[in-house]
Amino acid sequence: MRTLLAVAILSALGLPAAAGGRGGAPVNFLLMDGGARPAALGGSYVSLADDSNALHYNPAGLAFLERNDASFMHADHFFGKSQEYVGLALKGPL
């Protein structure tokens, strides 16, 4: 009985590793970067977000906005899929 239980546990531990072998998550497109500067930084844009891309990465970065800013992005992917991103940040009257 213990042998059967040990085999079942070891088999279950290997399943998550085998599941990531092909494809990936069905919603990976949600994790794609929304601009050239964040993509160049590998998505680690949280502490630098001080432009219109802050809407996607760190909305608190809009407090450090020095001028009005807009960003537009279009990307074509496999199988006719595409992604668009539009960001507009306007400096307040402060």
C-alpha atoms as a PDB file:
ATOM      1  CA  MET A   1       0.000   0.000   0.000  1.00  0.00           C
ATOM      2  CA  ARG A   2       2.810   2.409   0.858  1.00  0.00           C
ATOM      3  CA  THR A   3       4.529   1.660  -2.436  1.00  0.00           C
ATOM      4  CA  LEU A   4       1.380   2.475  -4.368  1.00  0.00           C
ATOM      5  CA  LEU A   5       0.964   5.728  -2.439  1.00  0.00           C
ATOM      6  CA  ALA A   6       4.606   6.709  -3.039  1.00  0.00           C
ATOM      7  CA  VAL A   7       4.272   6.026  -6.787  1.00  0.00           C
ATOM      8  CA  ALA A   8       1.071   8.109  -6.939  1.00  0.00           C
ATOM      9  CA  ILE A   9       2.684  11.062  -5.149  1.00  0.00           C
ATOM     10  CA  LEU A  10       5.827  10.981  -7.307  1.00  0.00           C
ATOM     11  CA  SER A  11       3.708  10.770 -10.460  1.00  0.00           C
ATOM     12  CA  ALA A  12       1.604  13.747  -9.378  1.00  0.00           C
ATOM     13  CA  LEU A  13       4.731  15.820  -8.741  1.00  0.00           C
ATOM     14  CA  GLY A  14       5.882  15.284 -12.323  1.00  0.00           C
ATOM     15  CA  LEU A  15       2.621  16.421 -13.927  1.00  0.00           C
ATOM     16  CA  PRO A  16       3.138  20.203 -13.648  1.00  0.00           C
ATOM     17  CA  ALA A  17       6.599  19.921 -15.220  1.00  0.00           C
ATOM     18  CA  ALA A  18       5.234  17.913 -18.144  1.00  0.00           C
ATOM     19  CA  ALA A  19       2.279  20.267 -18.651  1.00  0.00           C
ATOM     20  CA  GLY A  20       4.461  23.237 -19.579  1.00  0.00           C
ATOM     21  CA  GLY A  21       6.236  21.338 -22.324  1.00  0.00           C
ATOM     22  CA  ARG A  22       4.274  22.711 -25.269  1.00  0.00           C
ATOM     23  CA  GLY A  23       2.089  25.679 -25.937  1.00  0.00           C
ATOM     24  CA  GLY A  24       1.877  27.636 -22.724  1.00  0.00           C
ATOM     25  CA  ALA A  25      -0.970  29.453 -21.072  1.00  0.00           C
ATOM     26  CA  PRO A  26      -3.949  30.256 -23.301  1.00  0.00           C
ATOM     27  CA  VAL A  27      -3.932  33.911 -22.218  1.00  0.00           C
ATOM     28  CA  ASN A  28      -0.214  34.683 -22.685  1.00  0.00           C
ATOM     29  CA  PHE A  29      -1.130  37.659 -24.872  1.00  0.00           C
ATOM     30  CA  LEU A  30      -2.251  39.497 -21.727  1.00  0.00           C
ATOM     31  CA  LEU A  31       1.327  39.447 -20.443  1.00  0.00           C
ATOM     32  CA  MET A  32       2.831  41.150 -23.489  1.00  0.00           C
ATOM     33  CA  ASP A  33       4.437  44.546 -23.043  1.00  0.00           C
ATOM     34  CA  GLY A  34       2.557  47.604 -24.214  1.00  0.00           C
ATOM     35  CA  GLY A  35       5.406  49.743 -25.512  1.00  0.00           C
ATOM     36  CA  ALA A  36       8.989  49.728 -26.788  1.00  0.00           C
ATOM     37  CA  ARG A  37      10.621  51.062 -23.615  1.00  0.00           C
ATOM     38  CA  PRO A  38       8.932  48.547 -21.264  1.00  0.00           C
ATOM     39  CA  ALA A  39       9.660  45.711 -23.712  1.00  0.00           C
ATOM     40  CA  ALA A  40      13.336  46.713 -23.862  1.00  0.00           C
ATOM     41  CA  LEU A  41      13.465  46.509 -20.075  1.00  0.00           C
ATOM     42  CA  GLY A  42      11.967  43.025 -20.120  1.00  0.00           C
ATOM     43  CA  GLY A  43       8.703  44.137 -18.551  1.00  0.00           C
ATOM     44  CA  SER A  44      10.369  45.406 -15.360  1.00  0.00           C
ATOM     45  CA  TYR A  45       9.035  48.903 -15.877  1.00  0.00           C
ATOM     46  CA  VAL A  46       7.223  49.411 -12.572  1.00  0.00           C
ATOM     47  CA  SER A  47       9.727  51.766 -10.954  1.00  0.00           C
ATOM     48  CA  LEU A  48      10.381  53.774 -14.145  1.00  0.00           C
ATOM     49  CA  ALA A  49       6.772  54.296 -15.163  1.00  0.00           C
ATOM     50  CA  ASP A  50       6.497  58.062 -15.610  1.00  0.00           C
ATOM     51  CA  ASP A  51       4.766  58.291 -18.989  1.00  0.00           C
ATOM     52  CA  SER A  52       1.577  57.009 -20.608  1.00  0.00           C
ATOM     53  CA  ASN A  53       2.781  53.397 -20.231  1.00  0.00           C
ATOM     54  CA  ALA A  54       2.328  53.826 -16.483  1.00  0.00           C
ATOM     55  CA  LEU A  55      -1.364  53.081 -17.038  1.00  0.00           C
ATOM     56  CA  HIS A  56      -0.420  49.449 -17.703  1.00  0.00           C
ATOM     57  CA  TYR A  57       2.493  48.944 -15.289  1.00  0.00           C
ATOM     58  CA  ASN A  58       2.122  51.302 -12.313  1.00  0.00           C
ATOM     59  CA  PRO A  59      -0.701  53.872 -12.317  1.00  0.00           C
ATOM     60  CA  ALA A  60       0.921  55.652  -9.346  1.00  0.00           C
ATOM     61  CA  GLY A  61       3.714  56.712 -11.729  1.00  0.00           C
ATOM     62  CA  LEU A  62       1.288  59.177 -13.321  1.00  0.00           C
ATOM     63  CA  ALA A  63       1.910  61.445 -10.326  1.00  0.00           C
ATOM     64  CA  PHE A  64       5.421  62.085 -11.734  1.00  0.00           C
ATOM     65  CA  LEU A  65       4.171  63.017 -15.200  1.00  0.00           C
ATOM     66  CA  GLU A  66       6.077  66.070 -16.473  1.00  0.00           C
ATOM     67  CA  ARG A  67       4.226  66.589 -19.771  1.00  0.00           C
ATOM     68  CA  ASN A  68       1.298  65.210 -21.744  1.00  0.00           C
ATOM     69  CA  ASP A  69       2.155  61.853 -23.275  1.00  0.00           C
ATOM     70  CA  ALA A  70       0.587  59.365 -25.663  1.00  0.00           C
ATOM     71  CA  SER A  71       1.703  55.935 -26.823  1.00  0.00           C
ATOM     72  CA  PHE A  72       0.351  53.760 -29.610  1.00  0.00           C
ATOM     73  CA  MET A  73       1.351  50.194 -30.374  1.00  0.00           C
ATOM     74  CA  HIS A  74       0.267  47.605 -32.936  1.00  0.00           C
ATOM     75  CA  ALA A  75       1.734  44.114 -33.211  1.00  0.00           C
ATOM     76  CA  ASP A  76       0.868  41.299 -35.606  1.00  0.00           C
ATOM     77  CA  HIS A  77       1.214  37.785 -34.238  1.00  0.00           C
ATOM     78  CA  PHE A  78       0.782  34.256 -35.530  1.00  0.00           C
ATOM     79  CA  PHE A  79      -2.439  32.951 -37.048  1.00  0.00           C
ATOM     80  CA  GLY A  80      -3.822  36.401 -37.862  1.00  0.00           C
ATOM     81  CA  LYS A  81      -3.899  37.593 -34.246  1.00  0.00           C
ATOM     82  CA  SER A  82      -2.973  41.178 -33.488  1.00  0.00           C
ATOM     83  CA  GLN A  83      -2.591  43.376 -30.446  1.00  0.00           C
ATOM     84  CA  GLU A  84      -3.214  47.102 -30.076  1.00  0.00           C
ATOM     85  CA  TYR A  85      -2.383  49.352 -27.158  1.00  0.00           C
ATOM     86  CA  VAL A  86      -3.237  53.023 -26.753  1.00  0.00           C
ATOM     87  CA  GLY A  87      -2.251  55.072 -23.719  1.00  0.00           C
ATOM     88  CA  LEU A  88      -2.941  58.749 -23.070  1.00  0.00           C
ATOM     89  CA  ALA A  89      -1.753  60.607 -20.004  1.00  0.00           C
ATOM     90  CA  LEU A  90      -2.546  64.281 -19.459  1.00  0.00           C
ATOM     91  CA  LYS A  91      -0.727  66.418 -16.911  1.00  0.00           C
ATOM     92  CA  GLY A  92      -3.078  67.908 -14.368  1.00  0.00           C
ATOM     93  CA  PRO A  93      -3.341  71.573 -13.362  1.00  0.00           C
ATOM     94  CA  LEU A  94      -1.037  71.152 -10.334  1.00  0.00           C
END
